[in-house]
Protein backbone atom coordinates (compact mmCIF):
# COMPACT_ATOMS: atom_id res chain seq x y z
CA MET A 1 64.39 64.69 149.19
CA LYS A 2 66.43 66.53 151.91
CA THR A 3 64.31 69.61 150.82
CA VAL A 4 60.90 67.78 151.49
CA ILE A 5 62.10 66.32 154.76
CA ARG A 6 63.51 70.01 156.08
CA PHE A 7 59.87 71.47 154.73
CA VAL A 8 58.15 69.01 157.01
CA ARG A 9 60.35 69.57 160.00
CA HIS A 10 59.62 73.04 159.87
CA HIS A 11 56.17 73.05 159.04
CA TRP A 12 54.61 70.09 160.94
CA LEU A 13 52.09 71.60 162.97
CA THR A 14 50.56 73.32 159.89
CA LEU A 15 50.40 69.88 158.39
CA GLY A 16 48.98 68.16 161.21
CA LEU A 17 46.32 70.83 161.40
CA LEU A 18 45.59 70.44 157.61
CA LEU A 19 45.25 66.83 157.87
CA GLY A 20 43.22 66.66 161.04
CA SER A 21 40.77 69.33 159.30
CA LEU A 22 40.65 66.90 156.34
CA TYR A 23 39.58 63.89 158.08
CA LEU A 24 36.97 65.74 160.20
CA VAL A 25 35.12 67.10 157.11
CA MET A 26 35.29 63.85 155.79
CA TRP A 27 33.38 62.27 159.02
CA ILE A 28 31.28 64.95 159.02
CA VAL A 29 29.86 64.39 155.30
CA GLU A 30 29.77 60.82 156.01
CA THR A 31 27.95 60.46 159.24
CA GLN A 32 26.10 63.77 159.88
CA ARG A 33 24.53 64.74 156.48
CA THR A 34 20.57 64.61 156.23
CA PRO A 35 18.85 61.50 154.30
CA GLY A 36 18.81 62.51 150.27
CA ALA A 37 21.41 65.16 150.66
CA MET A 38 24.70 65.01 148.03
CA THR A 39 27.93 66.23 148.10
CA ILE A 40 28.83 68.47 145.06
CA ILE A 41 30.98 65.56 143.96
CA GLU A 42 28.29 63.24 144.37
CA ALA A 43 25.90 65.20 142.37
CA GLN A 44 28.86 65.64 139.63
CA ALA A 45 28.89 61.83 139.36
CA MET A 46 25.17 61.15 139.83
CA ASP A 47 24.27 58.82 136.74
CA MET A 48 21.32 60.64 135.57
CA THR A 49 20.37 58.13 132.92
CA ALA A 50 19.01 55.86 135.56
CA MET A 51 16.57 58.53 136.44
CA LYS A 52 13.98 57.07 133.51
CA ALA A 53 10.34 57.89 133.69
CA PRO A 54 8.09 55.20 134.90
CA PRO A 55 6.65 52.75 132.39
CA GLY A 56 3.67 53.60 130.95
CA VAL A 57 1.03 51.46 129.03
CA HIS A 58 0.91 51.26 125.12
CA PRO A 59 -2.61 52.19 123.84
CA VAL A 60 -3.61 49.69 121.12
CA ALA A 61 -6.30 48.39 118.89
CA ALA A 62 -6.92 44.72 119.00
CA GLU A 63 -9.65 42.25 117.81
CA HIS A 64 -10.29 38.59 117.29
CA PRO A 65 -9.44 36.91 114.22
CA VAL A 66 -12.29 36.30 111.64
CA THR A 67 -13.19 33.70 109.54
CA MET A 68 -13.99 35.37 105.94
CA PRO A 69 -13.18 34.70 102.33
CA VAL A 70 -9.92 36.43 101.12
CA SER A 71 -9.13 36.56 97.47
CA ALA A 72 -5.41 37.50 96.69
CA GLU A 73 -4.54 40.16 94.20
CA SER A 74 -3.12 37.66 91.73
CA SER A 75 -1.90 39.94 89.00
CA PHE A 76 1.62 41.09 88.72
CA PRO A 77 4.03 42.90 86.34
CA ALA A 78 6.12 40.42 84.46
CA GLU A 79 8.98 40.72 82.01
CA VAL A 80 9.42 37.97 78.98
CA LEU A 81 12.87 36.72 78.54
CA ALA A 82 14.59 34.29 76.04
CA PHE A 83 14.65 30.66 77.02
CA SER A 84 18.51 31.15 76.22
CA ASP A 85 20.67 33.69 75.13
CA GLU A 86 23.99 33.02 73.16
CA SER A 87 26.47 35.49 72.58
CA VAL A 88 28.92 34.73 69.43
CA ALA A 89 31.99 36.51 70.37
CA VAL A 90 35.54 36.35 68.38
CA ARG A 91 38.50 34.77 69.87
CA ILE A 92 41.33 35.87 67.71
CA PRO A 93 41.74 39.01 66.50
CA GLY A 94 41.27 39.36 62.40
CA ARG A 95 39.04 40.52 59.51
CA ILE A 96 35.39 39.18 59.17
CA LYS A 97 35.73 37.83 55.70
CA ARG A 98 32.02 36.74 55.28
CA THR A 99 29.00 36.20 57.17
CA LEU A 100 26.26 33.71 56.35
CA VAL A 101 23.48 34.73 58.54
CA TYR A 102 21.20 37.78 59.25
CA PRO A 103 18.94 38.74 61.89
CA GLY A 104 15.63 36.55 61.83
CA ASP A 105 17.48 33.49 60.62
CA ARG A 106 16.95 30.24 62.41
CA VAL A 107 20.22 28.42 62.88
CA VAL A 108 21.10 24.84 64.48
CA PRO A 109 24.05 23.76 66.84
CA GLY A 110 27.24 23.52 64.81
CA GLN A 111 25.95 26.02 61.61
CA LEU A 112 28.55 28.18 60.08
CA LEU A 113 27.89 31.83 61.01
CA ALA A 114 30.77 33.91 59.93
CA GLU A 115 34.61 33.40 58.84
CA ILE A 116 37.45 35.52 60.10
CA GLU A 117 40.30 36.02 57.68
CA ALA A 118 43.48 35.06 60.06
CA ASP A 119 45.93 33.28 57.73
CA GLU A 120 48.78 33.73 60.27
CA PHE A 121 46.92 31.04 62.49
CA ALA A 122 46.24 28.67 59.85
CA ALA A 123 50.15 28.89 59.05
CA MET A 124 51.05 28.59 62.49
CA SER A 125 48.78 25.51 62.75
CA GLY A 126 50.46 23.75 59.66
CA GLU A 127 54.01 24.61 61.02
CA SER A 128 52.93 22.94 64.57
CA THR A 129 51.49 20.09 63.15
CA TRP A 130 54.56 19.23 61.04
CA MET A 131 56.82 19.65 64.00
CA ALA A 132 54.56 17.73 66.17
CA ARG A 133 54.94 14.68 63.46
CA ALA A 134 58.57 15.22 63.26
CA GLY A 135 58.67 15.18 67.22
CA SER A 136 56.86 11.54 67.25
CA SER A 137 59.15 10.32 64.63
CA MET A 138 62.05 11.13 66.99
CA ALA A 139 60.13 9.75 70.02
CA LEU A 140 59.54 6.36 68.31
CA ALA A 141 63.35 6.23 67.10
CA MET A 142 64.21 6.81 70.72
CA GLN A 143 61.68 4.07 71.92
CA ARG A 144 63.04 1.67 69.71
CA GLU A 145 66.61 2.39 70.83
CA VAL A 146 65.51 1.86 74.81
CA GLU A 147 63.85 -1.57 73.35
CA SER A 148 67.30 -2.43 71.70
CA MET A 149 69.14 -1.41 74.99
CA ARG A 150 66.87 -3.48 77.15
CA ALA A 151 67.48 -6.54 74.99
CA SER A 152 71.26 -5.69 75.38
CA LEU A 153 70.86 -5.42 79.00
CA ALA A 154 68.99 -8.53 79.44
CA ARG A 155 71.81 -10.34 77.21
CA SER A 156 74.42 -8.97 79.59
CA ARG A 157 72.75 -10.24 82.57
CA ALA A 158 72.40 -13.61 81.05
CA GLY A 159 75.84 -13.80 80.39
CA LEU A 160 76.73 -12.73 84.01
CA SER A 161 74.52 -15.27 85.37
CA ALA A 162 76.26 -17.82 83.22
CA SER A 163 79.63 -16.47 84.22
CA GLY A 164 78.21 -16.62 87.85
CA ALA A 165 77.34 -20.31 87.33
CA ALA A 166 81.05 -21.25 85.79
CA VAL A 167 82.54 -19.66 88.96
CA GLU A 168 80.26 -21.81 90.93
CA ARG A 169 81.42 -24.79 89.18
CA ALA A 170 85.34 -23.89 88.96
CA ARG A 171 84.93 -23.30 92.90
CA ALA A 172 83.30 -26.85 93.35
CA GLY A 173 85.76 -28.32 90.97
CA ALA A 174 88.68 -26.53 93.01
CA ARG A 175 87.33 -27.78 96.41
CA SER A 176 86.86 -31.24 95.03
CA ALA A 177 90.57 -31.46 93.63
CA GLN A 178 91.68 -29.90 97.38
CA THR A 179 89.86 -32.40 99.08
CA ARG A 180 91.56 -35.39 96.78
CA HIS A 181 95.04 -33.51 97.15
CA SER A 182 94.47 -33.55 100.70
CA GLN A 183 93.74 -37.43 100.82
CA ALA A 184 96.89 -37.97 98.42
CA ARG A 185 99.01 -36.09 101.01
CA ARG A 186 97.63 -38.15 103.88
CA GLU A 187 98.07 -41.25 102.07
CA LEU A 188 101.72 -40.16 100.89
CA GLU A 189 102.51 -39.40 104.76
CA ALA A 190 101.24 -42.97 105.58
CA ALA A 191 103.32 -44.52 102.78
CA GLU A 192 106.61 -42.48 104.16
CA GLN A 193 105.58 -44.05 107.77
CA ALA A 194 105.42 -47.41 106.36
CA ILE A 195 108.80 -47.17 104.95
CA LEU A 196 110.35 -45.93 108.35
CA ASP A 197 108.54 -48.89 109.93
CA ALA A 198 109.94 -51.11 107.10
CA ARG A 199 113.28 -50.09 107.56
CA ALA A 200 113.30 -50.42 111.62
CA SER A 201 111.81 -54.08 110.92
CA LEU A 202 114.73 -54.59 107.96
CA LYS A 203 117.38 -52.98 110.42
CA TYR A 204 116.14 -55.65 112.91
CA SER A 205 116.01 -58.50 110.77
CA GLU A 206 119.47 -57.87 109.45
CA ALA A 207 120.94 -57.75 113.13
CA GLU A 208 118.96 -61.07 113.75
CA VAL A 209 120.54 -62.68 110.63
CA GLY A 210 123.93 -61.71 111.48
CA ARG A 211 123.37 -62.97 114.97
CA ALA A 212 121.80 -66.22 113.88
CA ARG A 213 124.58 -66.87 111.83
CA ARG A 214 127.02 -66.40 114.36
CA LEU A 215 125.26 -68.62 116.50
CA HIS A 216 124.86 -71.53 113.78
CA GLU A 217 128.31 -71.26 113.12
CA ALA A 218 129.03 -71.67 116.80
CA GLY A 219 126.57 -74.39 116.80
CA ALA A 220 124.58 -72.62 119.38
CA ILE A 221 121.64 -72.83 116.90
CA SER A 222 120.24 -75.05 114.35
CA LEU A 223 119.99 -74.47 110.68
CA ASP A 224 116.40 -74.09 110.69
CA GLU A 225 116.64 -71.30 113.00
CA ARG A 226 119.19 -69.65 111.08
CA GLN A 227 117.34 -70.06 107.72
CA MET A 228 114.29 -68.93 109.57
CA ALA A 229 115.94 -65.56 110.65
CA GLU A 230 117.50 -65.24 106.74
CA ARG A 231 113.75 -65.74 105.54
CA GLU A 232 112.50 -62.84 107.88
CA PHE A 233 115.16 -60.67 107.01
CA GLU A 234 114.16 -61.19 103.15
CA SER A 235 110.88 -60.61 103.91
CA SER A 236 111.80 -57.47 105.70
CA VAL A 237 113.88 -56.33 102.54
CA ALA A 238 110.96 -56.60 100.43
CA LYS A 239 108.43 -54.90 102.63
CA THR A 240 110.90 -52.13 102.43
CA ARG A 241 111.08 -52.30 98.78
CA ALA A 242 107.26 -52.42 98.79
CA ALA A 243 106.78 -49.42 101.02
CA GLN A 244 109.41 -47.58 98.89
CA ALA A 245 107.45 -48.34 95.87
CA GLU A 246 104.02 -47.42 97.32
CA ARG A 247 105.41 -43.89 98.73
CA GLU A 248 106.73 -43.23 95.33
CA ALA A 249 103.25 -44.17 93.68
CA ARG A 250 101.51 -42.13 96.54
CA PHE A 251 104.08 -39.12 95.72
CA GLU A 252 103.38 -38.93 92.24
CA ALA A 253 99.79 -39.10 93.04
CA ALA A 254 100.13 -35.96 95.42
CA ARG A 255 101.86 -34.10 92.68
CA SER A 256 99.43 -35.04 90.28
CA MET A 257 96.59 -33.77 92.58
CA GLU A 258 98.27 -30.47 93.66
CA ALA A 259 98.42 -29.94 89.68
CA GLU A 260 94.87 -30.48 89.60
CA VAL A 261 94.33 -28.07 92.45
CA GLU A 262 96.21 -25.36 90.68
CA ALA A 263 94.32 -25.93 87.39
CA ALA A 264 90.96 -25.82 89.34
CA GLN A 265 91.97 -22.50 91.21
CA ALA A 266 93.20 -20.94 87.84
CA ALA A 267 89.83 -21.98 86.50
CA VAL A 268 88.38 -20.41 89.53
CA LYS A 269 90.25 -16.97 88.90
CA GLU A 270 89.52 -17.25 85.09
CA ALA A 271 85.55 -17.69 85.60
CA SER A 272 85.62 -14.84 88.38
CA GLU A 273 87.44 -12.60 85.93
CA THR A 274 84.88 -13.53 83.28
CA GLN A 275 81.99 -12.82 85.86
CA HIS A 276 83.70 -9.43 86.71
CA ILE A 277 83.69 -8.58 82.84
CA ALA A 278 80.21 -9.75 82.55
CA LYS A 279 79.22 -7.53 85.59
CA ALA A 280 80.92 -4.39 84.15
CA GLU A 281 79.02 -5.30 80.89
CA VAL A 282 76.01 -5.28 82.69
CA ASP A 283 76.53 -1.79 84.65
CA GLU A 284 77.60 -0.35 81.56
CA ALA A 285 74.44 -1.61 79.70
CA ALA A 286 72.33 -0.43 82.50
CA ALA A 287 73.89 3.03 82.52
CA ARG A 288 73.41 3.00 78.65
CA LEU A 289 69.83 2.25 78.91
CA LYS A 290 69.10 4.64 81.93
CA LYS A 291 70.62 7.73 79.66
CA THR A 292 68.59 6.32 76.74
CA GLU A 293 65.48 6.08 78.56
CA GLN A 294 65.89 9.65 79.82
CA GLU A 295 66.33 10.75 76.26
CA ALA A 296 63.44 8.93 75.26
CA ARG A 297 61.27 10.70 78.15
CA ALA A 298 62.75 13.97 77.08
CA LYS A 299 61.63 13.21 73.36
CA GLU A 300 58.31 12.00 74.68
CA ALA A 301 57.97 15.10 76.67
CA GLU A 302 58.86 17.22 73.63
CA ARG A 303 56.67 15.27 71.73
CA GLU A 304 53.76 15.91 74.13
CA ALA A 305 54.66 19.61 74.15
CA LEU A 306 54.64 19.64 70.17
CA LYS A 307 51.42 17.50 70.03
CA SER A 308 49.96 20.14 72.55
CA THR A 309 51.19 23.22 70.44
CA ALA A 310 49.97 21.73 67.40
CA ALA A 311 46.50 21.10 69.12
CA SER A 312 46.45 24.59 70.52
CA ALA A 313 47.20 26.18 67.11
CA SER A 314 44.70 23.83 65.54
CA THR A 315 41.93 25.15 67.84
CA LEU A 316 43.31 28.48 67.22
CA SER A 317 42.93 27.95 63.58
CA GLN A 318 39.46 26.76 64.21
CA TYR A 319 38.68 30.08 65.84
CA ARG A 320 38.26 31.39 62.55
CA TYR A 321 35.01 29.99 62.06
CA LEU A 322 32.22 31.33 64.19
CA ARG A 323 29.66 28.67 64.89
CA ALA A 324 26.04 28.33 66.60
CA LEU A 325 25.98 26.08 69.81
CA SER A 326 22.13 25.69 69.99
CA HIS A 327 19.21 26.22 68.22
CA GLY A 328 17.96 29.62 68.06
CA VAL A 329 17.14 32.67 66.12
CA VAL A 330 19.75 35.17 65.17
CA SER A 331 18.42 38.85 66.96
CA GLU A 332 21.59 40.72 66.13
CA ARG A 333 24.75 41.24 64.11
CA ALA A 334 26.99 43.67 65.43
CA ALA A 335 29.79 43.37 62.78
CA SER A 336 29.81 43.55 58.88
CA PRO A 337 32.10 41.95 56.32
CA GLY A 338 35.47 43.64 56.55
CA ALA A 339 35.29 44.80 60.02
CA VAL A 340 38.33 44.16 62.01
CA VAL A 341 37.50 42.71 65.55
CA MET A 342 39.30 41.61 68.35
CA PRO A 343 39.16 39.10 70.76
CA GLY A 344 35.79 39.17 73.28
CA GLU A 345 33.98 41.42 70.59
CA PRO A 346 30.40 39.94 70.02
CA VAL A 347 29.42 39.69 66.30
CA PHE A 348 26.03 38.00 66.79
CA GLN A 349 23.39 37.36 69.37
CA ILE A 350 21.38 34.11 69.17
CA ARG A 351 17.94 33.40 71.28
CA ALA A 352 16.04 30.69 71.75
CA ILE A 353 12.38 31.85 71.61
CA ASP A 354 10.43 28.59 70.43
CA THR A 355 9.74 28.50 74.27
CA VAL A 356 10.18 31.95 76.55
CA ARG A 357 10.77 32.32 80.17
CA VAL A 358 8.31 34.72 81.85
CA GLN A 359 9.44 36.34 85.08
CA SER A 360 7.65 38.19 87.90
CA GLU A 361 8.55 39.53 91.21
CA LEU A 362 5.73 38.38 93.74
CA PRO A 363 5.25 39.89 97.38
CA GLN A 364 6.80 37.53 100.22
CA THR A 365 3.52 37.14 101.57
CA LEU A 366 2.85 34.83 98.86
CA ALA A 367 5.98 32.62 99.37
CA SER A 368 3.66 30.06 101.02
CA GLN A 369 0.99 29.80 97.95
CA VAL A 370 3.25 29.75 95.38
CA SER A 371 5.06 26.87 94.28
CA ALA A 372 6.17 24.78 91.06
CA GLY A 373 3.19 23.74 89.29
CA THR A 374 1.16 26.81 90.52
CA ARG A 375 -1.28 27.77 87.36
CA VAL A 376 -0.95 30.90 86.05
CA LEU A 377 -2.11 33.24 83.32
CA ILE A 378 0.14 35.20 81.06
CA THR A 379 -1.22 38.47 79.41
CA THR A 380 0.44 40.32 76.68
CA GLY A 381 -1.77 43.05 75.17
CA SER A 382 -4.86 41.07 74.04
CA THR A 383 -3.31 37.90 74.25
CA THR A 384 -3.96 35.50 77.44
CA ARG A 385 -2.08 31.91 77.71
CA GLU A 386 -2.26 29.76 80.58
CA ALA A 387 1.17 28.44 82.01
CA THR A 388 2.60 26.75 84.94
CA VAL A 389 5.20 28.14 87.66
CA THR A 390 8.43 26.16 86.84
CA SER A 391 10.61 27.76 89.03
CA VAL A 392 10.39 29.66 92.41
CA PHE A 393 13.80 31.60 93.08
CA PRO A 394 14.78 30.81 96.85
CA ALA A 395 15.75 34.16 97.76
CA VAL A 396 13.63 37.38 98.99
CA SER A 397 14.92 40.86 98.04
CA ALA A 398 16.05 42.81 101.13
CA ASP A 399 15.21 46.04 99.30
CA SER A 400 11.36 45.16 97.71
CA ARG A 401 10.63 42.12 99.92
CA THR A 402 9.60 40.32 96.62
CA PHE A 403 10.67 36.78 95.43
CA ARG A 404 11.22 36.02 91.76
CA VAL A 405 8.99 33.09 90.10
CA GLU A 406 9.24 31.75 86.53
CA ALA A 407 7.07 30.25 84.12
CA LEU A 408 8.22 28.46 80.63
CA VAL A 409 5.38 29.38 77.94
CA PRO A 410 5.61 27.83 74.44
CA ASN A 411 6.18 30.22 71.62
CA LYS A 412 5.94 28.46 68.48
CA ASP A 413 4.70 31.53 66.55
CA HIS A 414 7.18 33.76 68.15
CA SER A 415 4.37 36.13 69.13
CA LEU A 416 5.96 36.44 72.75
CA LEU A 417 9.65 38.37 72.02
CA PRO A 418 11.98 38.97 74.79
CA GLY A 419 11.85 42.20 76.51
CA MET A 420 7.97 42.28 76.31
CA TYR A 421 6.03 43.48 79.16
CA ALA A 422 3.40 40.87 80.48
CA THR A 423 1.05 40.26 83.37
CA LEU A 424 1.34 37.10 85.45
CA SER A 425 -1.82 36.34 87.41
CA LEU A 426 -2.28 33.32 89.96
CA LEU A 427 -5.36 31.51 89.46
CA GLY A 428 -7.76 30.47 92.28
CA GLY A 429 -10.85 31.82 93.59
CA PRO A 430 -11.49 33.19 97.46
CA GLU A 431 -11.41 31.01 100.21
CA ASP A 432 -12.87 31.02 103.59
CA ALA A 433 -10.08 30.99 106.22
CA LEU A 434 -9.00 32.78 109.64
CA SER A 435 -7.90 36.30 108.65
CA VAL A 436 -6.60 39.40 110.40
CA ARG A 437 -6.18 42.97 109.22
CA ASN A 438 -3.05 43.70 106.73
CA SER A 439 -1.98 46.18 109.15
CA ALA A 440 -1.46 43.76 111.87
CA ILE A 441 0.96 41.55 109.54
CA GLN A 442 4.62 42.36 110.43
CA TYR A 443 7.82 41.05 109.56
CA ASP A 444 11.11 40.19 111.43
CA ALA A 445 14.66 41.16 110.35
CA GLU A 446 14.76 37.25 108.64
CA GLY A 447 11.62 38.14 106.72
CA ASN A 448 9.35 35.78 108.66
CA ALA A 449 5.92 37.00 109.08
CA PHE A 450 4.62 37.65 112.71
CA VAL A 451 1.84 39.42 114.70
CA TRP A 452 1.35 40.92 117.97
CA VAL A 453 -1.32 39.76 120.37
CA MET A 454 -2.27 40.33 123.59
CA GLY A 455 -0.87 38.17 126.48
CA GLU A 456 -1.92 37.93 130.14
CA ALA A 457 0.61 39.94 132.29
CA GLU A 458 1.94 38.39 135.38
CA SER A 459 0.61 41.05 137.74
CA SER A 460 -1.70 43.92 137.68
CA GLY A 461 -2.00 46.82 139.97
CA GLU A 462 0.18 45.25 142.92
CA ALA A 463 3.42 46.46 144.12
CA THR A 464 6.15 44.25 142.44
CA ASP A 465 9.15 45.79 144.40
CA TRP A 466 10.33 48.61 146.63
CA THR A 467 12.48 51.51 145.20
CA CYS A 468 14.04 54.70 145.71
CA THR A 469 12.66 57.74 143.63
CA MET A 470 15.87 59.01 143.60
CA HIS A 471 17.61 55.63 142.59
CA PRO A 472 15.42 53.64 140.46
CA GLU A 473 18.00 50.91 139.68
CA VAL A 474 17.69 50.00 143.64
CA SER A 475 15.12 47.20 144.00
CA GLU A 476 14.03 45.33 147.21
CA PRO A 477 11.41 42.85 148.00
CA GLY A 478 10.08 44.73 150.69
CA PRO A 479 10.04 48.42 152.44
CA GLY A 480 13.66 49.77 153.72
CA ILE A 481 15.99 52.53 153.09
CA CYS A 482 17.88 53.19 150.24
CA PRO A 483 21.58 52.33 150.46
CA LYS A 484 22.79 55.11 148.57
CA CYS A 485 20.95 57.95 149.69
CA LYS A 486 19.11 56.75 152.90
CA MET A 487 15.79 58.12 151.77
CA ASP A 488 12.77 55.76 152.20
CA LEU A 489 11.78 52.96 149.56
CA VAL A 490 8.59 53.48 147.98
CA PRO A 491 6.33 50.45 146.36
CA ARG A 492 6.37 50.02 142.56
CA LYS A 493 3.33 49.45 140.93
CA GLY A 494 2.90 46.61 138.59
CA THR A 495 2.12 47.35 134.56
CA GLY A 496 -1.65 46.95 132.81
CA ASP A 497 -3.62 43.85 132.57
CA HIS A 498 -1.92 42.75 129.05
CA VAL A 499 1.29 42.59 127.72
CA ALA A 500 2.49 42.53 123.58
CA GLU A 501 3.38 38.92 122.71
CA ALA A 502 5.17 38.41 119.21
CA ARG A 503 3.51 35.23 117.62
CA LYS A 504 4.95 33.90 114.29
CA VAL A 505 2.29 32.80 111.68
CA ARG A 506 2.17 31.25 108.14
CA LEU A 507 0.20 33.44 105.84
CA GLY A 508 -2.19 32.51 103.39
CA ALA A 509 -3.87 34.50 100.46
CA GLN A 510 -3.64 38.25 100.77
CA GLY A 511 -6.46 40.27 100.07
CA LYS A 512 -7.18 44.48 99.57
CA THR A 513 -7.92 44.48 103.59
CA HIS A 514 -7.21 41.04 105.33
CA THR A 515 -4.84 38.19 105.09
CA ALA A 516 -5.67 34.73 105.66
CA ILE A 517 -3.56 32.94 108.42
CA ALA A 518 -2.62 29.45 107.60
CA SER A 519 -1.34 28.46 111.15
CA GLY A 520 -0.10 30.14 114.43
CA LEU A 521 -3.50 31.89 115.66
CA ALA A 522 -6.40 30.87 117.23
CA GLU A 523 -9.80 32.56 117.13
CA THR A 524 -9.81 33.32 120.77
CA ASP A 525 -6.35 35.31 120.25
CA GLN A 526 -6.64 39.01 120.34
CA VAL A 527 -4.42 40.44 117.25
CA ILE A 528 -2.99 44.00 117.72
CA TRP A 529 -3.77 45.93 114.45
CA ALA A 530 -2.94 49.40 115.23
CA GLY A 531 -0.65 51.38 117.94
CA ILE A 532 2.26 48.67 116.74
CA PRO A 533 4.91 51.12 116.70
CA GLY A 534 7.37 51.09 119.60
CA LEU A 535 6.01 47.58 120.89
CA PHE A 536 8.18 45.16 122.18
CA PRO A 537 7.70 41.63 123.95
CA GLY A 538 6.37 42.04 127.21
CA ALA A 539 5.51 45.72 126.83
CA PRO A 540 2.25 46.51 128.90
CA VAL A 541 -0.78 46.94 126.44
CA ARG A 542 -4.29 47.91 126.84
CA ALA A 543 -6.89 47.81 124.20
CA MET A 544 -8.35 51.09 123.56
CA GLU A 545 -11.20 52.57 121.21
CA TRP A 546 -9.73 53.63 118.03
CA GLY A 547 -10.51 56.61 115.91
CA GLU A 548 -9.00 57.75 112.79
CA ASN A 549 -6.25 59.86 114.41
CA GLY A 550 -5.34 57.34 116.95
CA PRO A 551 -6.82 56.34 120.39
CA LYS A 552 -9.79 58.32 121.33
CA GLU A 553 -8.56 58.44 125.00
CA LEU A 554 -5.09 57.22 126.61
CA PRO A 555 -5.23 54.60 129.55
CA ALA A 556 -4.24 55.53 133.12
CA ALA A 557 -0.58 55.61 133.97
CA ALA A 558 0.56 52.56 135.59
CA GLY A 559 4.04 51.42 137.43
CA VAL A 560 4.36 54.64 138.90
CA PRO A 561 5.91 54.48 142.51
CA GLU A 562 4.00 55.72 145.43
CA GLY A 563 5.27 59.24 146.66
CA HIS A 564 6.31 59.88 143.34
CA ASP A 565 3.03 60.47 141.64
CA HIS A 566 2.47 64.11 141.68
CA SER A 567 -0.69 63.69 139.71
CA ALA A 568 -2.19 61.43 142.11
CA SER A 569 -2.42 63.99 145.24
CA GLU A 570 -3.90 67.47 145.53
CA ALA A 571 -1.17 68.01 148.25
CA SER A 572 1.37 67.93 145.44
CA LYS A 573 -0.08 71.14 144.10
CA VAL A 574 1.04 73.19 147.17
CA SER A 575 3.91 75.77 146.59
CA VAL A 576 6.34 77.39 148.96
CA ASP A 577 4.16 80.64 148.34
CA ASP A 578 1.33 78.71 150.20
CA VAL A 579 2.93 77.97 153.40
CA PRO A 580 2.03 80.50 156.33
CA GLU A 581 4.81 82.32 157.71
CA GLY A 582 6.35 80.95 160.69
CA VAL A 583 5.23 77.21 160.11
CA TYR A 584 8.14 74.69 159.53
CA TYR A 585 7.89 73.00 155.87
CA CYS A 586 10.16 70.67 153.55
CA PRO A 587 11.74 72.30 150.82
CA MET A 588 11.22 69.16 148.40
CA HIS A 589 7.62 68.50 149.73
CA PRO A 590 5.87 71.76 150.61
CA GLU A 591 2.75 69.99 151.57
CA VAL A 592 4.62 68.62 154.35
CA GLN A 593 4.29 71.40 157.26
CA SER A 594 4.54 71.21 160.94
CA ALA A 595 4.55 74.12 163.90
CA ASP A 596 7.55 72.57 165.40
CA PRO A 597 11.15 71.74 163.72
CA GLY A 598 11.64 67.97 162.75
CA THR A 599 12.37 65.99 159.38
CA CYS A 600 10.23 65.24 156.30
CA PRO A 601 8.51 61.82 156.54
CA LYS A 602 9.04 61.56 152.81
CA CYS A 603 12.81 62.23 152.14
CA LYS A 604 13.92 62.77 155.69
CA MET A 605 15.34 66.44 154.84
CA ASP A 606 15.25 68.97 157.78
CA LEU A 607 12.24 71.11 157.80
CA VAL A 608 12.72 74.76 157.60
CA GLN A 609 10.79 77.75 158.97
CA ASN A 610 9.26 80.07 156.47
CA GLY A 611 10.34 83.66 156.89
CA GLY A 612 12.84 82.34 159.32
CA GLU A 613 16.58 81.95 159.29
């Protein structure tokens, strides 16, 4: 960094002059150059692909559709196929023990054709069957044990329910005994309180009797009053004794109730223990049942596996016998008795030929005419049979542009054999229809038919816009200067009177020269039948007289910008050599000449003097 700063300090004047010169040159290039002139960099970067030739007019041959009888070419090559092909192949390895049919024999479904010697599969089938039966017996025994366990669990649950009810009854008895015991204790307490009251009353009566006796002996009270006090005392003594007797009775009752409570609590404890034992038995029975059920499921799965194995072994054993699946005729025997065969190896070929299939490839132009039910003739040698199309394959071959049709033909006499060559002919006479030449029929990428017709152009011969001869991509609605090279814009002429339009059509019968049009065209349309290569929607076209080698003459050029059509002006034929000496002229347009210096009115370049500096 210090080195750079030191260099700038020592050479600042030189650097300033270089920068000033650079900016001066850039200013001169941008502001002082003549219109149309380019720098070396601009010339190198110029997009030459934009300099395209002006659009021309396609010469074509066109005519109106005509109504005429069209007869389709209706004979096409066909092939005879069997109604069904059955390949009888072996499924297990072994040796062919015997064959029961020969080519030409008729067979029916299920008929035995051959037997394969493979004893190991028969032995395996017997062993698997025995094991499957043993597995079934074990699974059945386990199922019975499961049922027994379920019954035991049900009994244990019933015992648990009964013990639960006993616990509830014992608890109810305990609660009742406790209630009666509490009542007896309250009555005992009341009896003890009555004793205390009686003793207090007795003590009071005893004091009153003593006092009454002393007062009577002293003569202070009468004998009646003394006797009354004595009777009160005796009554208190009797009440005290009665209270004591009641207290003893209540005490005994309380003790009895307490014993009853203890007995009830003992009954509750015993019932709870019984319930706990019953619950343990239920849990144990449930665990045993769960384990037994698991074992039973395992045995059942094992039984199913053994059963499946036995079924597979039985199926494999049945593979020793080759049987027919359908009606037909044996057309081929590929192996003889004693031959060793492997799985997948065909032994017999059976073909159903009471009815045969005749298939043919038809051109896609007939797709709208052929459908299921179309009458056809099948010809093989000198034999011709009438049939109907039974199937139209919904696909067109991308290579041949054909589609396949099929007709089922009765063949009871077996005169039609698979592989025979035949001819399929479509039935139907010529019909009047709006038709065009075959060369006018075109097909798009999806196989849809269309024709080119001449449509009216939007403009004809008038200037469509203004453009630059050096930069055709510039388009302005009116006169002006090119924003890129500063040259004057020139008008761009319109195209021809007609443009090409693609019209989709539905085809009818196709003859040798013309094809019927079912829909899509009118009699007033002009259909292009020659000069089609290179057409595109909107392409300018002009109908010309057509000969064997193409158009007899070409149309005049169209769409050429004014000022750029060198063929339209005789002045454009002037060369630099034709300019008189001392006259000023334009190097790009030598026909522009002047006695005085100036600029070219076409490209704005400075005029140069011929023979001068």
